Amino acid sequence: MWQRKQSLFLVLAALAALSTWLFPVRSFQLGDEPIVFMTHGIYMSTGVRVTDASLPVPFHILFSVIAGVFFIAIAFFKNRPRQIRVVRSAWLIVLGLGVFQFVSGNSLRAYLEKNGTVESSYGITFFLPLLVIALAVFAERAIRADENLVRSADRLR
């Protein structure tokens, strides 16, 4: 199970999904006050949570669930078609989460611009869903290659 390269891809995808807890999605500069959009909330530079705005979705919980799904998908190594379906479903959900994260960041910026000019920059977590998707697609391709190899060996018997 662990010697297969798709297991490595799935573990890396799960770790990338879990690391979204650590880094900011987007940073905003409203005058002299920096505001940080994390997956688990919106914070001022002092670490105080912004109460005016809230996240529409608990991104941190969803990314943690996705990481768990990737770990569970590793256990499906004996049932490759199911493993492919689980991995594909997970990366499609991550794609939707990434898009929704982008929309949430833009709506937060629009909300903050009511108080003045806002400068923003994207953080590492903004790009981590792309890494998760890429690793999941690589894992899916490797699972398909294994499945094709098993089918060709069955035809030879």
Protein backbone atom coordinates (compact mmCIF):
# COMPACT_ATOMS: atom_id res chain seq x y z
CA MET A 1 0.00 0.00 0.00
CA TRP A 2 2.66 2.57 0.96
CA GLN A 3 5.10 1.54 -1.74
CA ARG A 4 2.79 2.81 -4.48
CA LYS A 5 3.43 6.32 -5.80
CA GLN A 6 -0.26 7.25 -5.67
CA SER A 7 -0.13 6.78 -1.90
CA LEU A 8 2.68 9.31 -1.75
CA PHE A 9 0.68 11.74 -3.90
CA LEU A 10 -2.39 11.29 -1.70
CA VAL A 11 -0.41 11.85 1.51
CA LEU A 12 1.15 15.00 0.06
CA ALA A 13 -2.27 16.24 -1.06
CA ALA A 14 -3.67 15.60 2.43
CA LEU A 15 -0.77 17.44 4.06
CA ALA A 16 -1.21 20.37 1.68
CA ALA A 17 -4.92 20.46 2.53
CA LEU A 18 -4.11 20.45 6.25
CA SER A 19 -1.49 23.17 5.88
CA THR A 20 -4.23 25.61 4.85
CA TRP A 21 -4.73 26.11 8.60
CA LEU A 22 -1.28 27.66 8.94
CA PHE A 23 -1.00 30.31 6.25
CA PRO A 24 -3.13 33.29 5.20
CA VAL A 25 -5.40 33.14 2.17
CA ARG A 26 -5.23 36.85 1.55
CA SER A 27 -3.85 39.88 3.35
CA PHE A 28 -5.46 43.30 3.19
CA GLN A 29 -3.98 46.67 4.07
CA LEU A 30 -6.68 49.11 5.12
CA GLY A 31 -4.84 52.33 5.86
CA ASP A 32 -2.33 51.42 8.56
CA GLU A 33 -4.24 48.37 9.74
CA PRO A 34 -3.42 44.98 8.19
CA ILE A 35 -6.24 42.44 8.06
CA VAL A 36 -5.57 38.76 7.40
CA PHE A 37 -8.06 36.33 5.85
CA MET A 38 -7.31 32.83 7.13
CA THR A 39 -9.32 29.69 6.48
CA HIS A 40 -10.54 29.76 10.07
CA GLY A 41 -11.41 33.45 10.31
CA ILE A 42 -10.59 37.06 9.60
CA TYR A 43 -8.06 38.65 11.95
CA MET A 44 -6.47 42.01 12.63
CA SER A 45 -2.67 42.20 12.83
CA THR A 46 -2.87 41.91 16.64
CA GLY A 47 -4.59 38.53 16.35
CA VAL A 48 -8.01 39.85 17.33
CA ARG A 49 -10.82 38.34 15.30
CA VAL A 50 -12.80 40.77 13.12
CA THR A 51 -16.41 40.64 14.27
CA ASP A 52 -17.85 42.83 11.47
CA ALA A 53 -17.22 40.24 8.77
CA SER A 54 -17.40 36.48 8.94
CA LEU A 55 -16.64 33.66 6.56
CA PRO A 56 -19.65 32.16 4.78
CA VAL A 57 -18.10 28.67 4.88
CA PRO A 58 -15.84 27.01 7.48
CA PHE A 59 -12.98 26.47 5.03
CA HIS A 60 -10.70 24.97 7.68
CA ILE A 61 -13.17 22.21 8.49
CA LEU A 62 -13.81 21.40 4.83
CA PHE A 63 -10.09 21.22 4.01
CA SER A 64 -9.60 18.96 7.05
CA VAL A 65 -12.38 16.68 5.83
CA ILE A 66 -10.78 16.58 2.37
CA ALA A 67 -7.46 15.62 3.97
CA GLY A 68 -9.24 12.82 5.81
CA VAL A 69 -10.84 11.66 2.55
CA PHE A 70 -7.40 11.46 0.94
CA PHE A 71 -6.12 9.36 3.86
CA ILE A 72 -9.18 7.10 3.57
CA ALA A 73 -8.62 6.79 -0.19
CA ILE A 74 -5.22 5.29 0.52
CA ALA A 75 -6.97 2.47 2.37
CA PHE A 76 -9.00 1.63 -0.76
CA PHE A 77 -5.89 0.27 -2.50
CA LYS A 78 -7.59 -3.09 -3.11
CA ASN A 79 -10.57 -1.50 -4.85
CA ARG A 80 -9.01 0.81 -7.42
CA PRO A 81 -12.25 1.87 -9.20
CA ARG A 82 -13.65 3.08 -5.87
CA GLN A 83 -10.34 4.74 -5.06
CA ILE A 84 -10.48 6.62 -8.38
CA ARG A 85 -14.03 7.81 -7.68
CA VAL A 86 -13.14 9.00 -4.18
CA VAL A 87 -10.03 10.86 -5.33
CA ARG A 88 -11.85 12.48 -8.26
CA SER A 89 -14.73 13.56 -6.04
CA ALA A 90 -12.31 15.02 -3.52
CA TRP A 91 -10.36 17.08 -6.01
CA LEU A 92 -13.57 18.36 -7.62
CA ILE A 93 -14.71 19.52 -4.18
CA VAL A 94 -11.32 21.18 -3.63
CA LEU A 95 -11.77 22.96 -6.97
CA GLY A 96 -15.11 24.31 -5.78
CA LEU A 97 -13.60 25.31 -2.44
CA GLY A 98 -10.80 27.17 -4.18
CA VAL A 99 -13.26 29.10 -6.32
CA PHE A 100 -15.45 29.88 -3.32
CA GLN A 101 -12.38 30.98 -1.37
CA PHE A 102 -11.52 33.39 -4.19
CA VAL A 103 -15.08 34.77 -4.24
CA SER A 104 -15.05 35.16 -0.45
CA GLY A 105 -11.77 37.06 -0.61
CA ASN A 106 -13.12 39.40 -3.27
CA SER A 107 -16.33 40.03 -1.34
CA LEU A 108 -14.28 40.73 1.79
CA ARG A 109 -12.19 43.20 -0.18
CA ALA A 110 -15.35 44.92 -1.45
CA TYR A 111 -16.65 45.11 2.12
CA LEU A 112 -13.38 46.61 3.38
CA GLU A 113 -13.28 49.16 0.53
CA LYS A 114 -16.32 50.85 2.06
CA ASN A 115 -13.92 52.25 4.69
CA GLY A 116 -11.27 53.46 2.23
CA THR A 117 -8.66 52.25 -0.18
CA VAL A 118 -7.58 48.65 0.32
CA GLU A 119 -4.44 46.97 -0.95
CA SER A 120 -4.39 43.20 -0.96
CA SER A 121 -2.00 40.36 -1.63
CA TYR A 122 -2.60 36.64 -1.93
CA GLY A 123 -1.12 34.28 0.61
CA ILE A 124 0.17 30.75 0.34
CA THR A 125 -3.18 29.19 1.19
CA PHE A 126 -4.73 30.81 -1.86
CA PHE A 127 -2.51 28.60 -4.04
CA LEU A 128 -2.56 25.43 -1.92
CA PRO A 129 -5.86 24.16 -3.41
CA LEU A 130 -4.14 24.18 -6.82
CA LEU A 131 -1.35 22.03 -5.37
CA VAL A 132 -3.91 19.69 -3.78
CA ILE A 133 -5.71 19.34 -7.12
CA ALA A 134 -2.48 18.69 -9.01
CA LEU A 135 -1.35 16.01 -6.54
CA ALA A 136 -4.79 14.37 -6.58
CA VAL A 137 -4.81 14.29 -10.38
CA PHE A 138 -1.34 12.72 -10.36
CA ALA A 139 -2.60 10.13 -7.86
CA GLU A 140 -5.65 9.43 -10.01
CA ARG A 141 -3.46 8.89 -13.08
CA ALA A 142 -1.21 6.52 -11.15
CA ILE A 143 -4.24 4.57 -9.89
CA ARG A 144 -5.54 4.30 -13.46
CA ALA A 145 -2.13 3.07 -14.62
CA ASP A 146 -2.19 0.38 -11.91
CA GLU A 147 -5.71 -0.63 -12.90
CA ASN A 148 -4.72 -0.87 -16.58
CA LEU A 149 -1.67 -2.94 -15.65
CA VAL A 150 -3.80 -5.38 -13.63
CA ARG A 151 -6.35 -5.66 -16.45
CA SER A 152 -3.64 -6.37 -19.02
CA ALA A 153 -2.12 -9.03 -16.76
CA ASP A 154 -5.57 -10.62 -16.35
CA ARG A 155 -5.96 -10.79 -20.13
CA LEU A 156 -2.63 -12.61 -20.43
CA ARG A 157 -3.72 -15.35 -18.02
